[in-house]
């Protein structure tokens, strides 16, 4: 049977409010991000089929987003290292306006082939993300819903890998996942169906 995974990007952080690349950096949630985490918990608890498990990136912003949901649902958070955000190399901690124009132009044209210098290769990030989600799905192959809290770029790359979209198109096909919005996928072995995309949580 298939598992249904609710993929959620963490709440707003101090850097994301400025559109600054956080990646592997540890950046705290804003007051708005904390409110988003609380609203996510309320939304999930009100669903006819609330999640039966909570998985999360090891990064603090993701854990802090997942905590209200786990507490409200009476569940324990399972930390999965492979769900961490992509490291952005030369762009880490910066906004695009602070980078050389030619670097930005190349990245926009092909964000996989021209990933930022010293960044984690997007294909490797997609592979670890896909492996993590398939392992989670295999552990819940009973058509029940599971919450997975992770990160914008990691989730977009992983979605492309799961549904067969070329990775270089991840920014075009999935321009962004909004903070604490819910994207639902159904995973049955190597088959993945996209059931819901970027639904606001409340």
N, C-alpha and C. Protein backbone atom coordinates (compact mmCIF):
# COMPACT_ATOMS: atom_id res chain seq x y z
N UNK A 1 0.84 -1.20 0.00
CA UNK A 1 0.00 0.00 0.00
C UNK A 1 0.87 1.25 0.00
N UNK A 2 0.29 2.35 -0.42
CA UNK A 2 1.03 3.60 -0.52
C UNK A 2 0.99 4.38 0.78
N UNK A 3 2.03 5.14 1.00
CA UNK A 3 2.08 6.07 2.13
C UNK A 3 1.83 7.48 1.62
N UNK A 4 1.21 8.30 2.43
CA UNK A 4 0.93 9.69 2.06
C UNK A 4 1.77 10.59 2.95
N UNK A 5 2.67 11.34 2.32
CA UNK A 5 3.59 12.20 3.03
C UNK A 5 3.18 13.66 2.87
N UNK A 6 3.07 14.36 3.99
CA UNK A 6 2.79 15.80 3.98
C UNK A 6 4.12 16.52 4.11
N UNK A 7 4.58 17.11 3.01
CA UNK A 7 5.87 17.79 2.98
C UNK A 7 5.68 19.26 3.31
N UNK A 8 6.42 19.74 4.30
CA UNK A 8 6.25 21.11 4.77
C UNK A 8 7.61 21.80 4.88
N UNK A 9 7.70 22.96 4.28
CA UNK A 9 8.88 23.80 4.49
C UNK A 9 8.73 24.47 5.86
N UNK A 10 9.85 24.62 6.55
CA UNK A 10 9.85 25.25 7.87
C UNK A 10 9.28 26.67 7.83
N UNK A 11 9.04 27.24 8.99
CA UNK A 11 8.54 28.61 9.09
C UNK A 11 9.57 29.65 8.67
N UNK A 12 9.11 30.88 8.52
CA UNK A 12 9.97 31.98 8.08
C UNK A 12 11.13 32.18 9.06
N UNK A 13 12.32 32.40 8.51
CA UNK A 13 13.50 32.69 9.34
C UNK A 13 13.94 34.13 9.14
N UNK A 14 14.86 34.55 9.96
CA UNK A 14 15.39 35.91 9.86
C UNK A 14 16.03 36.17 8.50
N UNK A 15 16.69 35.17 7.94
CA UNK A 15 17.32 35.34 6.62
C UNK A 15 16.33 35.23 5.49
N UNK A 16 15.36 34.33 5.60
CA UNK A 16 14.42 34.17 4.50
C UNK A 16 13.52 35.39 4.34
N UNK A 17 13.31 36.12 5.42
CA UNK A 17 12.53 37.35 5.30
C UNK A 17 13.23 38.34 4.37
N UNK A 18 14.57 38.19 4.23
CA UNK A 18 15.36 39.06 3.34
C UNK A 18 15.69 38.36 2.02
N UNK A 19 15.20 37.12 1.84
CA UNK A 19 15.52 36.30 0.68
C UNK A 19 17.01 35.99 0.62
N UNK A 20 17.59 35.74 1.79
CA UNK A 20 19.01 35.41 1.91
C UNK A 20 19.16 33.89 1.97
N UNK A 21 20.13 33.35 1.25
CA UNK A 21 20.31 31.90 1.21
C UNK A 21 20.81 31.38 2.55
N UNK A 22 20.01 30.53 3.19
CA UNK A 22 20.38 29.99 4.49
C UNK A 22 21.12 28.67 4.35
N UNK A 23 20.61 27.75 3.55
CA UNK A 23 21.30 26.50 3.33
C UNK A 23 21.64 25.76 4.60
N UNK A 24 22.93 25.44 4.77
CA UNK A 24 23.37 24.68 5.93
C UNK A 24 23.55 25.54 7.17
N UNK A 25 23.43 26.86 7.03
CA UNK A 25 23.57 27.76 8.18
C UNK A 25 22.40 27.58 9.15
N UNK A 26 22.67 27.80 10.42
CA UNK A 26 21.62 27.73 11.43
C UNK A 26 21.06 29.14 11.66
N UNK A 27 19.81 29.32 11.30
CA UNK A 27 19.16 30.63 11.40
C UNK A 27 17.82 30.44 12.11
N UNK A 28 17.54 31.27 13.10
CA UNK A 28 16.32 31.11 13.88
C UNK A 28 15.07 31.59 13.16
N UNK A 29 13.93 31.11 13.64
CA UNK A 29 12.65 31.57 13.11
C UNK A 29 12.35 32.98 13.57
N UNK A 30 11.66 33.73 12.73
CA UNK A 30 11.13 35.03 13.13
C UNK A 30 9.89 34.81 14.00
N UNK A 31 9.37 35.90 14.58
CA UNK A 31 8.11 35.80 15.32
C UNK A 31 7.00 35.29 14.40
N UNK A 32 7.03 35.73 13.16
CA UNK A 32 6.04 35.24 12.20
C UNK A 32 6.22 33.75 11.95
N UNK A 33 7.47 33.30 11.84
CA UNK A 33 7.74 31.89 11.64
C UNK A 33 7.24 31.03 12.79
N UNK A 34 7.36 31.53 14.02
CA UNK A 34 6.86 30.80 15.18
C UNK A 34 5.34 30.70 15.14
N UNK A 35 4.69 31.79 14.72
CA UNK A 35 3.23 31.76 14.58
C UNK A 35 2.81 30.78 13.49
N UNK A 36 3.57 30.74 12.40
CA UNK A 36 3.26 29.79 11.32
C UNK A 36 3.35 28.35 11.82
N UNK A 37 4.34 28.07 12.66
CA UNK A 37 4.49 26.72 13.22
C UNK A 37 3.28 26.35 14.08
N UNK A 38 2.81 27.31 14.86
CA UNK A 38 1.63 27.06 15.70
C UNK A 38 0.39 26.84 14.85
N UNK A 39 0.23 27.63 13.79
CA UNK A 39 -0.93 27.47 12.92
C UNK A 39 -0.89 26.13 12.19
N UNK A 40 0.31 25.69 11.81
CA UNK A 40 0.44 24.39 11.17
C UNK A 40 -0.08 23.30 12.09
N UNK A 41 0.30 23.36 13.37
CA UNK A 41 -0.16 22.36 14.33
C UNK A 41 -1.67 22.36 14.45
N UNK A 42 -2.28 23.54 14.52
CA UNK A 42 -3.73 23.64 14.62
C UNK A 42 -4.40 23.07 13.37
N UNK A 43 -3.84 23.38 12.21
CA UNK A 43 -4.39 22.90 10.95
C UNK A 43 -4.35 21.38 10.87
N UNK A 44 -3.21 20.79 11.21
CA UNK A 44 -3.06 19.34 11.11
C UNK A 44 -3.97 18.62 12.10
N UNK A 45 -4.10 19.18 13.29
CA UNK A 45 -4.95 18.56 14.31
C UNK A 45 -6.42 18.59 13.91
N UNK A 46 -6.81 19.55 13.08
CA UNK A 46 -8.21 19.68 12.66
C UNK A 46 -8.56 18.80 11.47
N UNK A 47 -7.57 18.20 10.83
CA UNK A 47 -7.80 17.37 9.66
C UNK A 47 -8.52 16.07 10.03
N UNK A 48 -9.29 15.53 9.09
CA UNK A 48 -9.97 14.26 9.33
C UNK A 48 -8.97 13.13 9.54
N UNK A 49 -7.82 13.23 8.86
CA UNK A 49 -6.77 12.23 9.01
C UNK A 49 -5.48 12.93 9.42
N UNK A 50 -5.31 13.24 10.68
CA UNK A 50 -4.06 13.89 11.11
C UNK A 50 -2.87 12.96 10.96
N UNK A 51 -1.67 13.48 10.84
CA UNK A 51 -0.49 12.62 10.69
C UNK A 51 -0.32 11.67 11.88
N UNK A 52 0.25 10.50 11.57
CA UNK A 52 0.50 9.50 12.61
C UNK A 52 1.98 9.45 13.00
N UNK A 53 2.81 10.25 12.32
CA UNK A 53 4.23 10.31 12.63
C UNK A 53 4.78 11.65 12.14
N UNK A 54 5.87 12.09 12.75
CA UNK A 54 6.51 13.36 12.38
C UNK A 54 7.99 13.11 12.15
N UNK A 55 8.46 13.47 10.96
CA UNK A 55 9.88 13.38 10.61
C UNK A 55 10.38 14.79 10.31
N UNK A 56 11.68 15.01 10.53
CA UNK A 56 12.17 16.37 10.47
C UNK A 56 13.65 16.42 10.13
N UNK A 57 14.04 17.47 9.42
CA UNK A 57 15.45 17.80 9.22
C UNK A 57 16.12 18.05 10.57
N UNK A 58 17.42 17.82 10.69
CA UNK A 58 18.10 18.10 11.95
C UNK A 58 18.31 19.58 12.24
N UNK A 59 18.06 20.44 11.27
CA UNK A 59 18.34 21.86 11.46
C UNK A 59 17.29 22.52 12.36
N UNK A 60 17.75 23.46 13.15
CA UNK A 60 16.93 24.04 14.22
C UNK A 60 15.64 24.66 13.70
N UNK A 61 15.69 25.33 12.57
CA UNK A 61 14.49 25.98 12.06
C UNK A 61 13.41 24.97 11.69
N UNK A 62 13.83 23.81 11.21
CA UNK A 62 12.86 22.75 10.89
C UNK A 62 12.34 22.10 12.17
N UNK A 63 13.23 21.83 13.11
CA UNK A 63 12.80 21.21 14.37
C UNK A 63 11.81 22.11 15.11
N UNK A 64 12.12 23.41 15.13
CA UNK A 64 11.24 24.35 15.84
C UNK A 64 9.87 24.43 15.17
N UNK A 65 9.84 24.25 13.86
CA UNK A 65 8.56 24.24 13.14
C UNK A 65 7.77 22.98 13.44
N UNK A 66 8.46 21.87 13.56
CA UNK A 66 7.78 20.59 13.79
C UNK A 66 7.29 20.42 15.22
N UNK A 67 7.93 21.08 16.17
CA UNK A 67 7.64 20.84 17.59
C UNK A 67 6.17 21.06 17.97
N UNK A 68 5.52 22.18 17.59
CA UNK A 68 4.12 22.35 17.97
C UNK A 68 3.21 21.25 17.41
N UNK A 69 3.48 20.81 16.18
CA UNK A 69 2.66 19.75 15.59
C UNK A 69 2.84 18.44 16.34
N UNK A 70 4.10 18.10 16.65
CA UNK A 70 4.35 16.86 17.38
C UNK A 70 3.69 16.90 18.75
N UNK A 71 3.81 18.03 19.42
CA UNK A 71 3.22 18.17 20.76
C UNK A 71 1.71 18.08 20.70
N UNK A 72 1.09 18.76 19.76
CA UNK A 72 -0.37 18.77 19.63
C UNK A 72 -0.91 17.39 19.28
N UNK A 73 -0.18 16.67 18.43
CA UNK A 73 -0.63 15.36 17.98
C UNK A 73 -0.19 14.23 18.91
N UNK A 74 0.62 14.56 19.92
CA UNK A 74 1.09 13.54 20.85
C UNK A 74 2.09 12.58 20.22
N UNK A 75 2.94 13.11 19.33
CA UNK A 75 3.90 12.28 18.61
C UNK A 75 5.33 12.70 18.93
N UNK A 76 6.27 11.82 18.66
CA UNK A 76 7.69 12.10 18.85
C UNK A 76 8.31 12.45 17.50
N UNK A 77 9.19 13.44 17.49
CA UNK A 77 9.85 13.83 16.24
C UNK A 77 11.00 12.88 15.94
N UNK A 78 11.00 12.36 14.72
CA UNK A 78 12.10 11.53 14.23
C UNK A 78 13.01 12.40 13.37
N UNK A 79 14.27 12.57 13.78
CA UNK A 79 15.21 13.39 13.03
C UNK A 79 15.87 12.56 11.94
N UNK A 80 15.88 13.09 10.71
CA UNK A 80 16.47 12.41 9.56
C UNK A 80 17.53 13.32 8.96
N UNK A 81 18.78 12.92 9.09
CA UNK A 81 19.90 13.78 8.65
C UNK A 81 19.82 14.10 7.17
N UNK A 82 19.30 13.17 6.36
CA UNK A 82 19.25 13.37 4.91
C UNK A 82 18.25 14.45 4.49
N UNK A 83 17.45 14.94 5.43
CA UNK A 83 16.47 15.99 5.12
C UNK A 83 17.03 17.39 5.31
N UNK A 84 18.31 17.52 5.65
CA UNK A 84 18.91 18.85 5.83
C UNK A 84 18.88 19.62 4.51
N UNK A 85 18.97 20.95 4.63
CA UNK A 85 18.93 21.79 3.43
C UNK A 85 20.24 21.66 2.65
N UNK A 86 20.15 21.99 1.37
CA UNK A 86 21.31 22.03 0.48
C UNK A 86 22.27 23.12 0.97
N UNK A 87 23.57 22.84 0.92
CA UNK A 87 24.57 23.89 1.19
C UNK A 87 24.77 24.68 -0.09
N UNK A 88 24.72 26.01 0.01
CA UNK A 88 24.74 26.85 -1.19
C UNK A 88 26.10 27.42 -1.54
N UNK A 89 27.15 26.96 -0.89
CA UNK A 89 28.49 27.37 -1.28
C UNK A 89 28.69 28.87 -1.23
N UNK A 90 29.10 29.44 -2.37
CA UNK A 90 29.40 30.87 -2.44
C UNK A 90 28.20 31.75 -2.12
N UNK A 91 26.99 31.22 -2.25
CA UNK A 91 25.78 32.01 -1.99
C UNK A 91 25.32 31.92 -0.54
N UNK A 92 25.92 31.04 0.23
CA UNK A 92 25.48 30.84 1.62
C UNK A 92 25.54 32.16 2.40
N UNK A 93 24.40 32.53 2.99
CA UNK A 93 24.33 33.75 3.79
C UNK A 93 24.21 35.03 2.99
N UNK A 94 24.04 34.92 1.69
CA UNK A 94 24.00 36.11 0.83
C UNK A 94 22.67 36.18 0.08
N UNK A 95 22.38 37.38 -0.44
CA UNK A 95 21.29 37.55 -1.40
C UNK A 95 21.92 37.61 -2.79
N UNK A 96 21.11 37.37 -3.81
CA UNK A 96 21.66 37.31 -5.17
C UNK A 96 22.34 38.60 -5.57
N UNK A 97 21.86 39.74 -5.07
CA UNK A 97 22.45 41.03 -5.44
C UNK A 97 23.89 41.18 -4.95
N UNK A 98 24.29 40.34 -4.00
CA UNK A 98 25.65 40.40 -3.46
C UNK A 98 26.63 39.51 -4.22
N UNK A 99 26.13 38.77 -5.21
CA UNK A 99 26.97 37.85 -5.97
C UNK A 99 27.31 38.44 -7.34
N UNK A 100 28.40 37.97 -7.97
CA UNK A 100 28.75 38.46 -9.31
C UNK A 100 27.61 38.22 -10.30
N UNK A 101 27.27 39.21 -11.10
CA UNK A 101 26.14 39.08 -12.03
C UNK A 101 26.25 37.88 -12.96
N UNK A 102 27.48 37.57 -13.42
CA UNK A 102 27.64 36.44 -14.34
C UNK A 102 27.36 35.11 -13.63
N UNK A 103 27.68 35.03 -12.35
CA UNK A 103 27.37 33.82 -11.57
C UNK A 103 25.87 33.65 -11.43
N UNK A 104 25.19 34.74 -11.16
CA UNK A 104 23.74 34.69 -10.98
C UNK A 104 23.05 34.34 -12.30
N UNK A 105 23.51 34.92 -13.39
CA UNK A 105 22.91 34.64 -14.70
C UNK A 105 23.07 33.16 -15.07
N UNK A 106 24.25 32.61 -14.81
CA UNK A 106 24.48 31.19 -15.12
C UNK A 106 23.59 30.30 -14.25
N UNK A 107 23.47 30.65 -12.97
CA UNK A 107 22.63 29.88 -12.06
C UNK A 107 21.18 29.91 -12.49
N UNK A 108 20.69 31.07 -12.87
CA UNK A 108 19.29 31.18 -13.30
C UNK A 108 19.03 30.39 -14.57
N UNK A 109 20.01 30.33 -15.46
CA UNK A 109 19.85 29.60 -16.72
C UNK A 109 19.87 28.09 -16.49
N UNK A 110 20.70 27.65 -15.55
CA UNK A 110 20.80 26.21 -15.27
C UNK A 110 21.25 26.03 -13.82
N UNK A 111 20.30 26.00 -12.87
CA UNK A 111 20.66 25.95 -11.45
C UNK A 111 21.30 24.63 -11.01
N UNK A 112 21.32 23.64 -11.90
CA UNK A 112 21.99 22.37 -11.58
C UNK A 112 23.38 22.35 -12.20
N UNK A 113 23.46 22.58 -13.51
CA UNK A 113 24.75 22.59 -14.18
C UNK A 113 25.64 23.75 -13.77
N UNK A 114 25.05 24.85 -13.34
CA UNK A 114 25.80 26.03 -12.91
C UNK A 114 25.46 26.37 -11.46
N UNK A 115 25.41 25.34 -10.63
CA UNK A 115 25.18 25.58 -9.19
C UNK A 115 26.27 26.48 -8.65
N UNK A 116 26.00 27.17 -7.56
CA UNK A 116 26.97 28.10 -6.99
C UNK A 116 28.28 27.38 -6.66
N UNK A 117 29.41 28.03 -6.84
CA UNK A 117 30.69 27.41 -6.50
C UNK A 117 30.71 26.89 -5.05
N UNK A 118 31.26 25.70 -4.89
CA UNK A 118 31.40 25.04 -3.58
C UNK A 118 30.08 24.61 -2.97
N UNK A 119 28.99 24.68 -3.74
CA UNK A 119 27.69 24.21 -3.24
C UNK A 119 27.61 22.69 -3.31
N UNK A 120 26.70 22.12 -2.52
CA UNK A 120 26.43 20.70 -2.65
C UNK A 120 25.85 20.44 -4.03
N UNK A 121 26.33 19.45 -4.77
CA UNK A 121 25.76 19.16 -6.09
C UNK A 121 24.26 18.86 -5.98
N UNK A 122 23.41 19.57 -6.72
CA UNK A 122 21.97 19.35 -6.61
C UNK A 122 21.54 17.91 -6.84
N UNK A 123 22.21 17.20 -7.73
CA UNK A 123 21.83 15.81 -7.99
C UNK A 123 22.03 14.94 -6.76
N UNK A 124 23.09 15.21 -6.00
CA UNK A 124 23.34 14.45 -4.78
C UNK A 124 22.30 14.79 -3.72
N UNK A 125 21.94 16.07 -3.64
CA UNK A 125 20.90 16.48 -2.69
C UNK A 125 19.57 15.81 -3.03
N UNK A 126 19.22 15.80 -4.31
CA UNK A 126 17.97 15.16 -4.73
C UNK A 126 17.98 13.67 -4.41
N UNK A 127 19.11 13.03 -4.59
CA UNK A 127 19.22 11.59 -4.34
C UNK A 127 19.03 11.29 -2.86
N UNK A 128 19.67 12.05 -1.99
CA UNK A 128 19.51 11.78 -0.55
C UNK A 128 18.09 12.12 -0.08
N UNK A 129 17.51 13.17 -0.63
CA UNK A 129 16.14 13.52 -0.27
C UNK A 129 15.15 12.45 -0.72
N UNK A 130 15.33 11.96 -1.94
CA UNK A 130 14.45 10.91 -2.46
C UNK A 130 14.60 9.63 -1.65
N UNK A 131 15.83 9.28 -1.32
CA UNK A 131 16.06 8.07 -0.53
C UNK A 131 15.39 8.19 0.85
N UNK A 132 15.52 9.36 1.47
CA UNK A 132 14.92 9.58 2.79
C UNK A 132 13.40 9.45 2.74
N UNK A 133 12.77 10.07 1.74
CA UNK A 133 11.31 10.02 1.66
C UNK A 133 10.81 8.62 1.34
N UNK A 134 11.52 7.90 0.49
CA UNK A 134 11.10 6.53 0.19
C UNK A 134 11.25 5.62 1.42
N UNK A 135 12.28 5.86 2.22
CA UNK A 135 12.44 5.07 3.45
C UNK A 135 11.33 5.38 4.45
N UNK A 136 10.98 6.66 4.56
CA UNK A 136 9.88 7.04 5.45
C UNK A 136 8.57 6.40 4.96
N UNK A 137 8.34 6.47 3.65
CA UNK A 137 7.12 5.89 3.07
C UNK A 137 7.06 4.39 3.32
N UNK A 138 8.19 3.71 3.18
CA UNK A 138 8.22 2.27 3.38
C UNK A 138 7.87 1.89 4.81
N UNK A 139 8.23 2.78 5.74
CA UNK A 139 7.92 2.51 7.16
C UNK A 139 6.46 2.77 7.49
N UNK A 140 5.73 3.41 6.57
CA UNK A 140 4.31 3.75 6.80
C UNK A 140 3.48 3.37 5.59
N UNK A 141 3.71 2.18 5.07
CA UNK A 141 3.03 1.75 3.85
C UNK A 141 1.63 1.24 4.15
N UNK A 142 0.86 2.09 4.79
CA UNK A 142 -0.51 1.71 5.17
C UNK A 142 -1.51 2.79 4.80
N UNK A 143 -1.11 3.66 3.85
CA UNK A 143 -1.96 4.74 3.35
C UNK A 143 -2.29 5.78 4.42
N UNK A 144 -1.52 5.79 5.52
CA UNK A 144 -1.75 6.79 6.55
C UNK A 144 -0.81 7.97 6.31
N UNK A 145 -1.18 9.14 6.85
CA UNK A 145 -0.45 10.36 6.56
C UNK A 145 0.70 10.57 7.55
N UNK A 146 1.80 11.09 7.02
CA UNK A 146 3.00 11.34 7.80
C UNK A 146 3.48 12.76 7.51
N UNK A 147 3.85 13.50 8.55
CA UNK A 147 4.37 14.86 8.38
C UNK A 147 5.89 14.82 8.23
N UNK A 148 6.40 15.55 7.22
CA UNK A 148 7.84 15.66 6.99
C UNK A 148 8.17 17.14 6.89
N UNK A 149 8.96 17.66 7.82
CA UNK A 149 9.33 19.07 7.82
C UNK A 149 10.77 19.21 7.36
N UNK A 150 10.97 19.96 6.28
CA UNK A 150 12.32 20.10 5.73
C UNK A 150 12.49 21.51 5.13
N UNK A 151 13.04 21.59 3.92
CA UNK A 151 13.52 22.87 3.40
C UNK A 151 13.15 23.07 1.93
N UNK A 152 13.11 24.33 1.54
CA UNK A 152 12.62 24.74 0.23
C UNK A 152 13.36 24.08 -0.94
N UNK A 153 14.67 24.26 -1.02
CA UNK A 153 15.40 23.74 -2.16
C UNK A 153 15.50 22.22 -2.12
N UNK A 154 15.77 21.66 -0.96
CA UNK A 154 15.85 20.21 -0.84
C UNK A 154 14.54 19.56 -1.27
N UNK A 155 13.41 20.09 -0.82
CA UNK A 155 12.13 19.50 -1.17
C UNK A 155 11.82 19.66 -2.66
N UNK A 156 12.13 20.79 -3.25
CA UNK A 156 11.84 20.99 -4.67
C UNK A 156 12.67 20.05 -5.54
N UNK A 157 13.95 19.92 -5.23
CA UNK A 157 14.79 18.98 -5.97
C UNK A 157 14.28 17.55 -5.81
N UNK A 158 13.91 17.19 -4.58
CA UNK A 158 13.43 15.84 -4.32
C UNK A 158 12.13 15.56 -5.04
N UNK A 159 11.22 16.53 -5.06
CA UNK A 159 9.96 16.34 -5.79
C UNK A 159 10.23 16.08 -7.27
N UNK A 160 11.14 16.82 -7.86
CA UNK A 160 11.47 16.59 -9.27
C UNK A 160 12.00 15.18 -9.48
N UNK A 161 12.89 14.75 -8.59
CA UNK A 161 13.46 13.41 -8.72
C UNK A 161 12.39 12.33 -8.59
N UNK A 162 11.46 12.53 -7.68
CA UNK A 162 10.42 11.53 -7.43
C UNK A 162 9.42 11.40 -8.57
N UNK A 163 9.07 12.53 -9.20
CA UNK A 163 8.02 12.47 -10.23
C UNK A 163 8.57 12.54 -11.65
N UNK A 164 9.90 12.51 -11.80
CA UNK A 164 10.49 12.42 -13.13
C UNK A 164 10.64 13.72 -13.89
N UNK A 165 10.74 14.83 -13.17
CA UNK A 165 10.98 16.13 -13.80
C UNK A 165 12.49 16.38 -13.82
N UNK A 166 13.08 16.82 -14.95
CA UNK A 166 14.52 17.12 -14.97
C UNK A 166 14.90 18.09 -13.85
N UNK A 167 15.96 17.77 -13.14
CA UNK A 167 16.34 18.59 -11.99
C UNK A 167 16.61 20.05 -12.36
N UNK A 168 17.15 20.28 -13.55
CA UNK A 168 17.48 21.66 -13.92
C UNK A 168 16.24 22.55 -13.99
N UNK A 169 15.05 21.94 -14.02
CA UNK A 169 13.80 22.70 -14.09
C UNK A 169 13.17 22.95 -12.73
N UNK A 170 13.85 22.58 -11.65
CA UNK A 170 13.18 22.64 -10.35
C UNK A 170 12.73 24.05 -9.98
N UNK A 171 13.49 25.08 -10.34
CA UNK A 171 13.09 26.45 -9.98
C UNK A 171 11.93 26.94 -10.84
N UNK A 172 11.81 26.43 -12.05
CA UNK A 172 10.72 26.84 -12.94
C UNK A 172 9.43 26.11 -12.60
N UNK A 173 9.52 24.80 -12.37
CA UNK A 173 8.32 24.00 -12.10
C UNK A 173 7.79 24.26 -10.69
N UNK A 174 8.70 24.39 -9.73
CA UNK A 174 8.32 24.67 -8.35
C UNK A 174 9.02 25.97 -7.92
N UNK A 175 8.46 27.14 -8.31
CA UNK A 175 9.14 28.41 -8.02
C UNK A 175 9.51 28.58 -6.54
N UNK A 176 8.63 28.13 -5.65
CA UNK A 176 8.94 28.15 -4.22
C UNK A 176 7.87 27.35 -3.49
N UNK A 177 8.27 26.81 -2.37
CA UNK A 177 7.31 26.24 -1.43
C UNK A 177 7.17 27.24 -0.30
N UNK A 178 5.96 27.69 -0.05
CA UNK A 178 5.75 28.71 0.96
C UNK A 178 5.98 28.15 2.36
N UNK A 179 6.38 29.01 3.27
CA UNK A 179 6.64 28.59 4.64
C UNK A 179 5.41 27.95 5.26
N UNK A 180 5.56 26.73 5.75
CA UNK A 180 4.55 25.90 6.42
C UNK A 180 3.36 25.53 5.53
N UNK A 181 3.43 25.79 4.23
CA UNK A 181 2.40 25.28 3.33
C UNK A 181 2.58 23.77 3.17
N UNK A 182 1.50 23.08 2.86
CA UNK A 182 1.51 21.62 2.80
C UNK A 182 1.49 21.14 1.35
N UNK A 183 2.45 20.28 1.01
CA UNK A 183 2.47 19.57 -0.26
C UNK A 183 2.33 18.09 0.06
N UNK A 184 1.34 17.43 -0.54
CA UNK A 184 1.10 16.02 -0.23
C UNK A 184 1.46 15.13 -1.41
N UNK A 185 2.24 14.10 -1.12
CA UNK A 185 2.57 13.11 -2.15
C UNK A 185 2.16 11.73 -1.65
N UNK A 186 1.90 10.84 -2.61
CA UNK A 186 1.60 9.45 -2.30
C UNK A 186 2.73 8.61 -2.88
N UNK A 187 3.39 7.85 -2.02
CA UNK A 187 4.57 7.08 -2.44
C UNK A 187 4.29 5.60 -2.27
N UNK A 188 4.46 4.87 -3.36
CA UNK A 188 4.27 3.42 -3.37
C UNK A 188 5.49 2.82 -4.06
N UNK A 189 6.50 2.45 -3.28
CA UNK A 189 7.74 1.96 -3.87
C UNK A 189 8.42 3.06 -4.66
N UNK A 190 8.61 2.82 -5.97
CA UNK A 190 9.24 3.83 -6.82
C UNK A 190 8.22 4.70 -7.54
N UNK A 191 6.95 4.51 -7.26
CA UNK A 191 5.90 5.32 -7.88
C UNK A 191 5.50 6.44 -6.93
N UNK A 192 5.44 7.67 -7.46
CA UNK A 192 5.05 8.82 -6.65
C UNK A 192 3.98 9.62 -7.37
N UNK A 193 2.92 9.97 -6.65
CA UNK A 193 1.85 10.81 -7.18
C UNK A 193 1.81 12.11 -6.38
N UNK A 194 1.68 13.22 -7.06
CA UNK A 194 1.53 14.52 -6.40
C UNK A 194 0.04 14.79 -6.19
N UNK A 195 -0.38 14.82 -4.94
CA UNK A 195 -1.81 14.98 -4.63
C UNK A 195 -2.19 16.42 -4.32
N UNK A 196 -1.25 17.20 -3.78
CA UNK A 196 -1.56 18.55 -3.33
C UNK A 196 -0.27 19.35 -3.33
N UNK A 197 -0.33 20.61 -3.76
CA UNK A 197 0.88 21.43 -3.83
C UNK A 197 0.67 22.77 -3.13
N UNK A 198 1.50 23.04 -2.14
CA UNK A 198 1.64 24.39 -1.57
C UNK A 198 0.34 24.92 -0.96
N UNK A 199 -0.40 24.06 -0.27
CA UNK A 199 -1.65 24.51 0.36
C UNK A 199 -1.33 25.24 1.67
N UNK A 200 -1.81 26.47 1.85
CA UNK A 200 -1.57 27.17 3.11
C UNK A 200 -2.12 26.41 4.29
N UNK A 201 -1.40 26.42 5.39
CA UNK A 201 -1.83 25.74 6.61
C UNK A 201 -2.67 26.71 7.45
N UNK A 202 -3.92 26.78 7.16
CA UNK A 202 -4.81 27.66 7.92
C UNK A 202 -4.92 29.04 7.30
